[in-house]
Amino acid sequence: MKKIRLVALREFFENMRTKTFWIGILFFPVVLILSIVIPKLLQDHKDARLYAVLDRSGWLLEAVEERAAFPDMEKLLRVIRDRLRDGSAMKGLPPGLEGQAEAIRDMSDEEISRAASTLTMLHASPEGQKILDDLPEEVAEMVKKSGEQLRRWYSGLSAKEARKFSRSLSRSLYERVDIAPGDETDPEAPFREALNEGRIFAYIVVGKDPIETSQGNKYVSNNLTDDALRNWFARFASEVVREKRIEREGIDEEVIRRIQTPVVFKAVQLTETGEETKVESVDKAMQFIPIAFVYLLWIAIFMISQMLLTNTIEEKSNRTIEVLLSSVSPTELMAGKIVGIALTGLTVVLCWVMFFVLTIKAAPAMNLEPPFDLTPLITYPKYLVSFVVYFLLGYLLYASLLVGIGSVCNSLKEAQNLMMPVSVMLMIPLFTMFPIVQDPNGALARVMTFIPLTTPFAMMNRAAADIPTWEYLVSGVLLLATIALFVWAAGKIFRVGILMTGKPPKLKEIIRWVLSA
């Protein structure tokens, strides 16, 4: 055991001392974070889509813009309220609101929604007046004093100015360009010219009678992949036209609302005592977070096992193995290598977990704040313990395979052919991650649980479910027995193959080494 410990410490500190090892540790999480951050930054800085509208109906465009203003106004008021509450600077505060700071700061979400309604499409209607009358006095006073000025300010708001408040505003994403229609023979000519010259992203044509038919409605763009603008305009247009059709048919709006009210089934879950509790977003995330752990587990096992393989082949090719075998036996050397690389792997995993926790804490500064704190999910004891246990077992399983392969090969090129079956087997857990997490006690999950080569990944994937104790015991015994078998076979192969040079042995010869006494 002393010699095994010395070999293990040698392997561990040899890796710790190299710059490439630490670069490799940071490479995976940095690339993963950048793959999330960079697309988000590019999306946030994407130019607003410029569009024009040829409204032959004479009324739909105005109604759509009024309708689209409501969610924007609601978001604006929320942003202003939150900034006032945290005391941040209010640069670019909409005109007319300077004296309304106290009233806005105290508004609830419901009051903001009702105030936004009166500030946009309902401000001139009897229903809008009713909403205004129901608001608290200070909120209603704010709407009366600043409403018209705020509406005019919003109407002239550019996409660049809107992004100072929120990048999710319609004004931040889409900006309408005024284009005068052509003559009666070809009213779309100026629009086509602007599109072909790249001055607009798309133009929309509204038919003469959108209430009666969709005939004449068109969305014209040379970009066939981005439908966001078309879907956005069509959604608000559909809402406006639907209300007009109801009004034309003389149907009571209350009846329509009652008919269209969906059947809702509240999602609940049972506690261990049998009590019902509401399902929150964090509860759903808790069920899917094992996928992240499985992927991390796969990367860790694959990377660390590959490290053992390349290390073995490298030391064999430069004759370092011969020097080591003058002091330790082949079995001690193999065991020390496996233990040393396992310690290296645990160091890598610990660094990754710390990196991800720090990234989550720093997410708000990068404009990537999640809907809830992910730290408790990542540091959840059950997941962390399962991860460490199955990382060690999975590593021992695949390390014993790869150390045997490395001992009979003189170069990585020779190892590639023998690695193919192992690589194929390692791909199966990736293909089954989502089916298993969606049905953790289904047939696929249970079958893979009792196949030792996939047991670590399947059990990690099922960590969020209530797994019967007997499945833990049976799968654990099978996995440990398989590890013992693989380590025994790898020892036989390692003892003979580690000093071999020249052409690698064939499979028949390797099997004969394993079966020999």
Protein backbone atom coordinates (compact mmCIF):
# COMPACT_ATOMS: atom_id res chain seq x y z
CA MET A 1 0.00 0.00 0.00
CA LYS A 2 2.92 2.34 0.69
CA LYS A 3 4.22 1.95 -2.86
CA ILE A 4 0.73 2.39 -4.31
CA ARG A 5 0.37 5.59 -2.30
CA LEU A 6 3.74 6.86 -3.53
CA VAL A 7 2.83 6.17 -7.17
CA ALA A 8 -0.56 7.83 -6.67
CA LEU A 9 0.97 10.95 -5.13
CA ARG A 10 3.52 11.09 -7.93
CA GLU A 11 0.74 10.99 -10.55
CA PHE A 12 -1.29 13.60 -8.67
CA PHE A 13 1.50 16.13 -8.14
CA GLU A 14 2.89 15.63 -11.65
CA ASN A 15 -0.45 16.85 -12.99
CA MET A 16 -0.84 19.62 -10.42
CA ARG A 17 2.51 21.15 -11.39
CA THR A 18 1.74 21.58 -15.10
CA LYS A 19 0.22 24.75 -16.53
CA THR A 20 -1.65 22.80 -19.19
CA PHE A 21 -3.55 20.91 -16.47
CA TRP A 22 -4.93 24.12 -14.95
CA ILE A 23 -5.67 25.52 -18.40
CA GLY A 24 -7.54 22.30 -19.14
CA ILE A 25 -9.55 22.61 -15.92
CA LEU A 26 -10.73 26.09 -16.85
CA PHE A 27 -11.23 25.34 -20.53
CA PHE A 28 -14.48 23.36 -20.23
CA PRO A 29 -16.42 25.66 -17.84
CA VAL A 30 -15.16 28.80 -19.60
CA VAL A 31 -16.24 27.50 -23.00
CA LEU A 32 -19.59 26.41 -21.54
CA ILE A 33 -20.22 29.82 -19.95
CA LEU A 34 -19.10 31.67 -23.09
CA SER A 35 -21.46 29.53 -25.20
CA ILE A 36 -24.31 30.93 -23.06
CA VAL A 37 -23.06 34.49 -22.54
CA ILE A 38 -21.91 35.32 -26.07
CA PRO A 39 -25.19 34.43 -27.86
CA LYS A 40 -27.06 36.37 -25.15
CA LEU A 41 -24.84 39.41 -25.63
CA LEU A 42 -25.13 39.18 -29.40
CA GLN A 43 -28.91 38.88 -29.09
CA ASP A 44 -29.05 41.88 -26.74
CA HIS A 45 -26.99 43.99 -29.10
CA LYS A 46 -28.81 42.92 -32.24
CA ASP A 47 -30.09 45.91 -34.16
CA ALA A 48 -33.79 46.61 -33.87
CA ARG A 49 -35.81 45.29 -36.82
CA LEU A 50 -36.90 48.24 -38.95
CA TYR A 51 -40.23 47.67 -40.62
CA ALA A 52 -42.91 49.58 -42.47
CA VAL A 53 -46.67 49.02 -42.74
CA LEU A 54 -49.04 49.70 -45.61
CA ASP A 55 -52.38 49.83 -43.80
CA ARG A 56 -55.19 49.65 -46.36
CA SER A 57 -57.77 49.21 -43.59
CA GLY A 58 -57.07 52.68 -42.24
CA TRP A 59 -57.34 51.63 -38.59
CA LEU A 60 -55.58 48.33 -37.77
CA LEU A 61 -52.03 49.71 -37.55
CA GLU A 62 -53.01 52.32 -34.96
CA ALA A 63 -54.93 49.72 -32.95
CA VAL A 64 -51.99 47.27 -33.02
CA GLU A 65 -49.52 49.91 -31.84
CA GLU A 66 -51.88 50.88 -29.03
CA ARG A 67 -52.27 47.24 -28.06
CA ALA A 68 -48.50 46.60 -28.16
CA ALA A 69 -47.90 49.64 -25.97
CA PHE A 70 -49.59 48.02 -22.94
CA PRO A 71 -46.94 45.34 -22.14
CA ASP A 72 -44.21 47.90 -22.85
CA MET A 73 -45.75 50.46 -20.51
CA GLU A 74 -46.16 47.81 -17.84
CA LYS A 75 -42.49 46.79 -18.11
CA LEU A 76 -41.38 50.42 -18.08
CA LEU A 77 -43.29 51.15 -14.89
CA ARG A 78 -41.85 48.03 -13.24
CA VAL A 79 -38.30 49.01 -14.20
CA ILE A 80 -38.83 52.55 -12.92
CA ARG A 81 -40.34 51.26 -9.67
CA ASP A 82 -37.50 48.76 -9.08
CA ARG A 83 -34.86 51.41 -9.76
CA LEU A 84 -36.53 53.78 -7.34
CA ARG A 85 -36.66 51.07 -4.68
CA ASP A 86 -32.97 50.12 -4.95
CA GLY A 87 -31.93 53.76 -5.16
CA SER A 88 -30.15 53.47 -8.52
CA ALA A 89 -29.77 56.54 -10.73
CA MET A 90 -32.76 57.43 -12.87
CA LYS A 91 -31.01 58.68 -15.99
CA GLY A 92 -33.45 59.27 -18.78
CA LEU A 93 -36.50 59.31 -16.50
CA PRO A 94 -39.61 59.79 -18.63
CA PRO A 95 -40.86 63.38 -18.53
CA GLY A 96 -43.69 64.07 -16.17
CA LEU A 97 -42.70 61.43 -13.65
CA GLU A 98 -40.15 63.48 -11.70
CA GLY A 99 -42.74 64.40 -9.08
CA GLN A 100 -44.39 60.96 -9.01
CA ALA A 101 -41.45 58.96 -7.63
CA GLU A 102 -43.05 58.20 -4.26
CA ALA A 103 -46.33 57.00 -5.80
CA ILE A 104 -44.53 54.72 -8.29
CA ARG A 105 -42.17 53.34 -5.65
CA ASP A 106 -45.11 52.09 -3.56
CA MET A 107 -47.08 50.52 -6.43
CA SER A 108 -47.78 46.79 -6.40
CA ASP A 109 -47.56 44.58 -9.52
CA GLU A 110 -51.34 44.61 -9.85
CA GLU A 111 -51.50 48.39 -9.57
CA ILE A 112 -48.79 48.76 -12.20
CA SER A 113 -50.74 46.51 -14.58
CA ARG A 114 -53.95 48.52 -14.09
CA ALA A 115 -52.10 51.83 -14.42
CA ALA A 116 -50.51 50.65 -17.66
CA SER A 117 -53.98 49.80 -18.98
CA THR A 118 -55.21 53.33 -18.42
CA LEU A 119 -52.02 54.77 -19.91
CA THR A 120 -52.41 52.87 -23.20
CA MET A 121 -55.34 51.36 -25.05
CA LEU A 122 -57.98 51.92 -22.36
CA HIS A 123 -57.20 55.52 -21.43
CA ALA A 124 -60.08 57.05 -23.43
CA SER A 125 -62.68 54.32 -22.95
CA PRO A 126 -65.34 53.98 -20.24
CA GLU A 127 -63.62 50.80 -19.08
CA GLY A 128 -60.34 52.71 -18.78
CA GLN A 129 -62.06 55.36 -16.67
CA LYS A 130 -63.51 52.62 -14.45
CA ILE A 131 -60.04 51.13 -13.92
CA LEU A 132 -58.73 54.59 -13.13
CA ASP A 133 -61.47 55.13 -10.54
CA ASP A 134 -60.57 51.83 -8.85
CA LEU A 135 -56.90 52.71 -8.46
CA PRO A 136 -55.49 54.06 -5.19
CA GLU A 137 -55.73 57.82 -5.06
CA GLU A 138 -51.98 58.50 -5.39
CA VAL A 139 -51.66 56.09 -8.38
CA ALA A 140 -54.74 57.56 -10.09
CA GLU A 141 -53.32 61.05 -9.53
CA MET A 142 -50.04 60.00 -11.16
CA VAL A 143 -51.89 58.67 -14.21
CA LYS A 144 -54.01 61.82 -14.53
CA LYS A 145 -51.08 64.22 -14.17
CA SER A 146 -48.45 62.37 -16.23
CA GLY A 147 -50.45 60.04 -18.46
CA GLU A 148 -50.68 62.14 -21.61
CA GLN A 149 -47.10 63.34 -21.41
CA LEU A 150 -45.87 59.77 -20.81
CA ARG A 151 -47.86 58.47 -23.80
CA ARG A 152 -46.36 61.14 -26.08
CA TRP A 153 -42.88 60.34 -24.80
CA TYR A 154 -43.40 56.64 -25.45
CA SER A 155 -44.72 57.29 -28.98
CA GLY A 156 -41.44 59.04 -29.88
CA LEU A 157 -39.18 56.55 -28.12
CA SER A 158 -36.46 55.09 -30.36
CA ALA A 159 -35.15 51.54 -30.05
CA LYS A 160 -31.82 52.80 -28.68
CA GLU A 161 -33.53 54.87 -26.00
CA ALA A 162 -35.90 52.01 -25.10
CA ARG A 163 -32.96 49.67 -24.47
CA LYS A 164 -31.79 51.92 -21.63
CA PHE A 165 -34.83 50.67 -19.71
CA SER A 166 -35.25 47.08 -20.94
CA ARG A 167 -34.10 45.05 -23.92
CA SER A 168 -37.33 43.06 -23.87
CA LEU A 169 -39.54 46.02 -24.80
CA SER A 170 -41.22 45.88 -28.18
CA ARG A 171 -39.71 49.30 -28.82
CA SER A 172 -36.26 47.80 -28.22
CA LEU A 173 -36.84 45.02 -30.74
CA TYR A 174 -38.94 46.57 -33.51
CA GLU A 175 -39.01 50.10 -34.88
CA ARG A 176 -41.52 51.26 -37.48
CA VAL A 177 -40.37 53.44 -40.35
CA ASP A 178 -42.84 55.78 -42.03
CA ILE A 179 -42.93 55.22 -45.79
CA ALA A 180 -45.47 56.97 -48.01
CA PRO A 181 -47.33 54.54 -50.31
CA GLY A 182 -46.92 54.80 -54.06
CA ASP A 183 -49.62 55.64 -56.58
CA GLU A 184 -52.84 53.63 -56.86
CA THR A 185 -51.41 51.36 -59.57
CA ASP A 186 -48.53 50.16 -57.35
CA PRO A 187 -48.76 51.39 -53.74
CA GLU A 188 -46.12 48.87 -52.57
CA ALA A 189 -43.35 50.20 -54.87
CA PRO A 190 -41.67 52.45 -52.21
CA PHE A 191 -41.80 49.60 -49.72
CA ARG A 192 -40.14 47.14 -52.11
CA GLU A 193 -37.47 49.71 -52.91
CA ALA A 194 -36.70 50.28 -49.21
CA LEU A 195 -36.53 46.52 -48.63
CA ASN A 196 -34.21 45.88 -51.58
CA GLU A 197 -31.94 48.73 -50.52
CA GLY A 198 -31.71 47.33 -46.99
CA ARG A 199 -33.32 50.34 -45.32
CA ILE A 200 -35.96 48.09 -43.70
CA PHE A 201 -35.98 44.48 -42.57
CA ALA A 202 -39.53 43.78 -43.76
CA TYR A 203 -42.81 45.44 -44.63
CA ILE A 204 -46.35 44.44 -43.76
CA VAL A 205 -49.45 44.95 -45.88
CA VAL A 206 -52.85 45.00 -44.14
CA GLY A 207 -55.86 44.19 -46.31
CA LYS A 208 -58.85 46.47 -46.73
CA ASP A 209 -61.14 44.48 -44.43
CA PRO A 210 -59.14 42.35 -41.97
CA ILE A 211 -62.27 41.75 -39.90
CA GLU A 212 -63.97 39.91 -42.74
CA THR A 213 -61.00 38.14 -44.36
CA SER A 214 -57.22 37.78 -44.32
CA GLN A 215 -57.08 38.35 -48.06
CA GLY A 216 -54.58 41.08 -48.91
CA ASN A 217 -52.54 40.63 -45.73
CA LYS A 218 -48.84 40.13 -46.47
CA TYR A 219 -45.50 40.00 -44.70
CA VAL A 220 -42.63 40.66 -47.11
CA SER A 221 -39.02 40.03 -46.09
CA ASN A 222 -35.85 38.60 -47.61
CA ASN A 223 -34.98 36.90 -44.31
CA LEU A 224 -36.68 33.48 -44.23
CA THR A 225 -35.40 32.37 -40.81
CA ASP A 226 -36.43 35.17 -38.40
CA ASP A 227 -40.22 35.20 -37.97
CA ALA A 228 -40.24 37.12 -34.68
CA LEU A 229 -41.45 40.40 -36.20
CA ARG A 230 -44.23 38.72 -38.19
CA ASN A 231 -45.42 36.71 -35.18
CA TRP A 232 -45.32 39.79 -32.93
CA PHE A 233 -47.43 41.93 -35.27
CA ALA A 234 -49.82 39.07 -36.10
CA ARG A 235 -50.45 38.33 -32.41
CA PHE A 236 -51.61 41.86 -31.58
CA ALA A 237 -53.50 42.18 -34.87
CA SER A 238 -55.38 38.97 -34.11
CA GLU A 239 -56.38 40.23 -30.68
CA VAL A 240 -57.70 43.51 -32.09
CA VAL A 241 -59.58 41.86 -34.96
CA ARG A 242 -61.08 39.26 -32.64
CA GLU A 243 -62.55 42.01 -30.44
CA LYS A 244 -63.90 43.84 -33.49
CA ARG A 245 -65.59 40.67 -34.75
CA ILE A 246 -67.19 40.10 -31.36
CA GLU A 247 -68.39 43.71 -31.35
CA ARG A 248 -69.77 43.40 -34.91
CA GLU A 249 -71.66 40.21 -34.05
CA GLY A 250 -73.13 41.84 -30.96
CA ILE A 251 -71.98 39.09 -28.64
CA ASP A 252 -71.71 39.93 -24.96
CA GLU A 253 -68.03 40.22 -24.03
CA GLU A 254 -68.68 38.61 -20.66
CA VAL A 255 -70.13 35.56 -22.42
CA ILE A 256 -67.07 35.39 -24.68
CA ARG A 257 -64.70 35.62 -21.74
CA ARG A 258 -66.57 32.89 -19.94
CA ILE A 259 -66.54 30.62 -23.00
CA GLN A 260 -62.84 31.21 -23.63
CA THR A 261 -61.80 30.70 -20.02
CA PRO A 262 -59.53 27.63 -20.12
CA VAL A 263 -59.78 24.66 -17.82
CA VAL A 264 -56.82 24.95 -15.44
CA PHE A 265 -55.35 22.11 -13.44
CA LYS A 266 -53.17 23.40 -10.62
CA ALA A 267 -49.91 21.49 -10.36
CA VAL A 268 -49.32 20.16 -6.85
CA GLN A 269 -47.04 17.60 -5.28
CA LEU A 270 -47.30 15.51 -2.15
CA THR A 271 -44.88 15.80 0.75
CA GLU A 272 -43.66 12.78 2.69
CA THR A 273 -46.53 13.35 5.15
CA GLY A 274 -49.08 13.33 2.34
CA GLU A 275 -49.75 17.08 2.35
CA GLU A 276 -50.29 18.93 -0.93
CA THR A 277 -47.89 21.74 -1.85
CA LYS A 278 -47.84 24.04 -4.86
CA VAL A 279 -45.32 23.22 -7.60
CA GLU A 280 -42.94 26.15 -8.09
CA SER A 281 -40.46 26.77 -10.89
CA VAL A 282 -37.62 25.75 -8.59
CA ASP A 283 -39.33 22.37 -8.02
CA LYS A 284 -39.42 21.72 -11.77
CA ALA A 285 -35.80 22.77 -12.08
CA MET A 286 -34.93 20.36 -9.28
CA GLN A 287 -36.29 17.50 -11.39
CA PHE A 288 -34.26 18.46 -14.47
CA ILE A 289 -30.98 19.51 -12.80
CA PRO A 290 -29.70 15.87 -12.80
CA ILE A 291 -29.25 16.26 -16.57
CA ALA A 292 -26.55 18.87 -15.90
CA PHE A 293 -24.91 16.53 -13.40
CA VAL A 294 -25.04 13.62 -15.86
CA TYR A 295 -23.40 15.73 -18.54
CA LEU A 296 -20.74 16.89 -16.08
CA LEU A 297 -20.28 13.29 -14.93
CA TRP A 298 -19.84 12.15 -18.54
CA ILE A 299 -17.28 14.87 -19.28
CA ALA A 300 -15.39 14.15 -16.05
CA ILE A 301 -15.23 10.36 -16.53
CA PHE A 302 -14.34 10.62 -20.21
CA MET A 303 -11.69 13.30 -19.69
CA ILE A 304 -10.04 11.75 -16.62
CA SER A 305 -10.06 8.24 -18.11
CA GLN A 306 -8.49 9.64 -21.28
CA MET A 307 -5.86 11.32 -19.10
CA LEU A 308 -4.98 7.92 -17.62
CA LEU A 309 -4.81 6.36 -21.09
CA THR A 310 -2.54 9.04 -22.57
CA ASN A 311 -0.37 9.10 -19.44
CA THR A 312 0.17 5.34 -19.61
CA ILE A 313 0.98 5.37 -23.33
CA GLU A 314 3.32 8.37 -22.94
CA GLU A 315 5.32 6.78 -20.11
CA LYS A 316 5.49 3.49 -21.99
CA SER A 317 6.75 5.13 -25.19
CA ASN A 318 9.48 7.18 -23.44
CA ARG A 319 10.58 4.19 -21.31
CA THR A 320 9.67 5.85 -17.99
CA ILE A 321 7.63 2.73 -17.19
CA GLU A 322 10.78 0.59 -17.18
CA VAL A 323 12.38 2.83 -14.57
CA LEU A 324 9.24 2.72 -12.38
CA LEU A 325 8.97 -1.07 -12.65
CA SER A 326 12.46 -1.39 -11.22
CA SER A 327 11.02 -0.18 -7.90
CA VAL A 328 7.37 -1.33 -7.91
CA SER A 329 5.42 -4.27 -9.29
CA PRO A 330 3.14 -3.88 -12.33
CA THR A 331 0.07 -4.31 -10.09
CA GLU A 332 1.26 -1.62 -7.67
CA LEU A 333 2.05 0.71 -10.57
CA MET A 334 -1.36 0.21 -12.17
CA ALA A 335 -3.21 0.69 -8.88
CA GLY A 336 -1.18 3.80 -8.06
CA LYS A 337 -1.89 5.31 -11.47
CA ILE A 338 -5.64 4.71 -11.13
CA VAL A 339 -5.76 6.21 -7.61
CA GLY A 340 -3.57 9.19 -8.54
CA ILE A 341 -5.62 10.10 -11.59
CA ALA A 342 -8.81 9.64 -9.51
CA LEU A 343 -7.52 12.28 -7.06
CA THR A 344 -6.75 14.50 -10.02
CA GLY A 345 -10.30 13.98 -11.29
CA LEU A 346 -11.83 14.91 -7.94
CA THR A 347 -9.75 18.10 -7.96
CA VAL A 348 -11.05 18.94 -11.42
CA VAL A 349 -14.67 18.33 -10.39
CA LEU A 350 -14.28 20.43 -7.22
CA CYS A 351 -12.84 23.30 -9.28
CA TRP A 352 -15.74 23.06 -11.74
CA VAL A 353 -18.36 23.18 -8.98
CA MET A 354 -16.70 26.22 -7.41
CA PHE A 355 -16.45 27.90 -10.82
CA PHE A 356 -20.15 27.35 -11.58
CA VAL A 357 -21.25 28.60 -8.15
CA LEU A 358 -19.17 31.77 -8.60
CA THR A 359 -20.59 32.21 -12.11
CA ILE A 360 -24.16 31.97 -10.79
CA LYS A 361 -23.38 34.58 -8.14
CA ALA A 362 -21.88 36.86 -10.81
CA ALA A 363 -24.71 36.26 -13.34
CA PRO A 364 -26.67 39.46 -12.49
CA ALA A 365 -23.63 41.57 -13.35
CA MET A 366 -23.59 39.95 -16.82
CA ASN A 367 -27.31 40.58 -17.39
CA LEU A 368 -27.95 36.84 -17.07
CA GLU A 369 -29.91 36.75 -13.83
CA PRO A 370 -31.91 33.49 -13.66
CA PRO A 371 -35.55 33.48 -12.43
CA PHE A 372 -34.37 32.05 -9.10
CA ASP A 373 -31.12 31.26 -7.30
CA LEU A 374 -29.57 28.12 -8.82
CA THR A 375 -26.95 27.72 -6.10
CA PRO A 376 -29.13 25.47 -3.85
CA LEU A 377 -29.78 23.19 -6.84
CA ILE A 378 -26.11 22.77 -7.69
CA THR A 379 -25.08 22.33 -4.04
CA TYR A 380 -28.02 20.04 -3.16
CA PRO A 381 -26.46 17.34 -0.90
CA LYS A 382 -28.21 14.38 -2.53
CA TYR A 383 -26.99 15.41 -5.98
CA LEU A 384 -23.45 16.17 -4.83
CA VAL A 385 -23.08 12.91 -2.92
CA SER A 386 -24.53 10.91 -5.81
CA PHE A 387 -22.21 12.71 -8.21
CA VAL A 388 -19.06 12.00 -6.19
CA VAL A 389 -20.01 8.34 -5.60
CA TYR A 390 -20.90 7.63 -9.22
CA PHE A 391 -17.94 9.60 -10.52
CA LEU A 392 -15.58 7.39 -8.52
CA LEU A 393 -17.35 4.16 -9.49
CA GLY A 394 -17.71 5.18 -13.13
CA TYR A 395 -14.09 6.28 -13.25
CA LEU A 396 -12.85 2.99 -11.76
CA LEU A 397 -14.95 1.08 -14.28
CA TYR A 398 -13.72 2.90 -17.38
CA ALA A 399 -10.21 3.53 -16.02
CA SER A 400 -9.64 -0.20 -15.69
CA LEU A 401 -10.64 -0.60 -19.33
CA LEU A 402 -8.45 2.22 -20.58
CA VAL A 403 -5.39 1.39 -18.50
CA GLY A 404 -5.48 -2.10 -19.99
CA ILE A 405 -5.78 -0.61 -23.49
CA GLY A 406 -2.95 1.83 -22.80
CA SER A 407 -0.63 -0.90 -21.57
CA VAL A 408 -0.71 -2.79 -24.89
CA CYS A 409 -0.37 0.26 -27.17
CA ASN A 410 2.76 2.17 -28.06
CA SER A 411 0.98 5.28 -29.42
CA LEU A 412 -2.40 7.01 -29.35
CA LYS A 413 -2.92 6.03 -32.97
CA GLU A 414 -2.78 2.36 -31.99
CA ALA A 415 -5.19 2.98 -29.10
CA GLN A 416 -7.86 4.57 -31.30
CA ASN A 417 -9.08 1.27 -32.78
CA LEU A 418 -9.34 -0.37 -29.36
CA MET A 419 -11.05 2.74 -27.94
CA MET A 420 -13.91 2.66 -30.46
CA PRO A 421 -16.19 0.19 -28.56
CA VAL A 422 -15.62 2.12 -25.30
CA SER A 423 -16.44 5.46 -26.99
CA VAL A 424 -19.66 4.05 -28.47
CA MET A 425 -20.72 2.74 -25.06
CA LEU A 426 -20.04 6.16 -23.51
CA MET A 427 -22.31 7.85 -26.06
CA ILE A 428 -25.40 5.91 -24.95
CA PRO A 429 -25.90 7.88 -21.66
CA LEU A 430 -25.93 11.16 -23.63
CA PHE A 431 -28.64 9.91 -25.98
CA THR A 432 -30.84 8.76 -23.09
CA MET A 433 -30.49 11.73 -20.70
CA PHE A 434 -33.83 13.38 -21.48
CA PRO A 435 -35.96 10.19 -21.77
CA ILE A 436 -34.68 9.00 -18.38
CA VAL A 437 -35.15 12.30 -16.53
CA GLN A 438 -38.71 12.53 -17.89
CA ASP A 439 -39.52 8.99 -16.74
CA PRO A 440 -36.94 8.13 -14.03
CA ASN A 441 -38.76 4.97 -12.99
CA GLY A 442 -39.63 3.79 -16.50
CA ALA A 443 -38.43 0.69 -18.30
CA LEU A 444 -35.50 2.41 -20.06
CA ALA A 445 -34.20 3.93 -16.83
CA ARG A 446 -34.39 0.62 -14.98
CA VAL A 447 -32.80 -1.43 -17.76
CA MET A 448 -29.84 0.98 -17.95
CA THR A 449 -29.58 0.95 -14.16
CA PHE A 450 -28.76 -2.77 -14.18
CA ILE A 451 -26.23 -2.57 -17.05
CA PRO A 452 -22.96 -1.87 -15.19
CA LEU A 453 -21.41 0.20 -18.01
CA THR A 454 -24.34 2.66 -17.87
CA THR A 455 -25.24 2.34 -14.17
CA PRO A 456 -23.39 5.49 -12.96
CA PHE A 457 -25.06 7.71 -15.55
CA ALA A 458 -28.53 6.18 -15.20
CA MET A 459 -28.52 6.41 -11.41
CA MET A 460 -27.27 10.00 -11.49
CA ASN A 461 -30.01 10.80 -14.00
CA ARG A 462 -32.62 9.29 -11.67
CA ALA A 463 -31.36 11.14 -8.58
CA ALA A 464 -34.44 13.39 -8.40
CA ALA A 465 -36.82 10.41 -8.23
CA ASP A 466 -37.70 8.09 -5.36
CA ILE A 467 -35.68 5.02 -6.31
CA PRO A 468 -36.47 1.77 -4.43
CA THR A 469 -33.72 0.75 -2.03
CA TRP A 470 -33.38 -2.68 -3.65
CA GLU A 471 -32.45 -1.04 -6.96
CA TYR A 472 -29.64 0.86 -5.26
CA LEU A 473 -28.40 -2.36 -3.66
CA VAL A 474 -28.66 -4.64 -6.71
CA SER A 475 -27.21 -2.12 -9.18
CA GLY A 476 -24.45 -1.24 -6.69
CA VAL A 477 -23.48 -4.90 -6.20
CA LEU A 478 -23.46 -5.50 -9.97
CA LEU A 479 -21.37 -2.38 -10.54
CA LEU A 480 -18.84 -3.25 -7.82
CA ALA A 481 -18.57 -6.83 -9.09
CA THR A 482 -17.98 -5.57 -12.63
CA ILE A 483 -15.34 -3.11 -11.42
CA ALA A 484 -13.57 -5.92 -9.55
CA LEU A 485 -13.69 -8.10 -12.67
CA PHE A 486 -12.37 -5.32 -14.92
CA VAL A 487 -9.58 -4.38 -12.48
CA TRP A 488 -8.55 -8.04 -12.22
CA ALA A 489 -8.52 -8.40 -16.03
CA ALA A 490 -6.72 -5.07 -16.48
CA GLY A 491 -4.06 -6.22 -13.99
CA LYS A 492 -3.45 -9.35 -16.03
CA ILE A 493 -3.16 -7.35 -19.26
CA PHE A 494 -1.07 -4.59 -17.68
CA ARG A 495 1.43 -7.04 -16.21
CA VAL A 496 2.20 -8.54 -19.64
CA GLY A 497 1.55 -5.69 -22.01
CA ILE A 498 3.26 -2.79 -20.26
CA LEU A 499 6.77 -3.94 -21.27
CA MET A 500 5.82 -5.07 -24.76
CA THR A 501 7.08 -3.10 -27.75
CA GLY A 502 6.54 -3.32 -31.45
CA LYS A 503 3.27 -4.44 -33.03
CA PRO A 504 0.31 -4.42 -30.56
CA PRO A 505 -1.16 -7.82 -29.70
CA LYS A 506 -4.39 -9.07 -31.28
CA LEU A 507 -7.61 -9.52 -29.32
CA LYS A 508 -7.17 -13.32 -29.12
CA GLU A 509 -3.77 -12.90 -27.48
CA ILE A 510 -5.13 -10.37 -24.96
CA ILE A 511 -7.96 -12.77 -24.01
CA ARG A 512 -5.37 -15.53 -23.53
CA TRP A 513 -3.44 -13.31 -21.09
CA VAL A 514 -6.61 -12.73 -19.05
CA LEU A 515 -7.54 -16.41 -18.92
CA SER A 516 -4.05 -17.63 -18.11
CA ALA A 517 -3.35 -18.69 -14.53
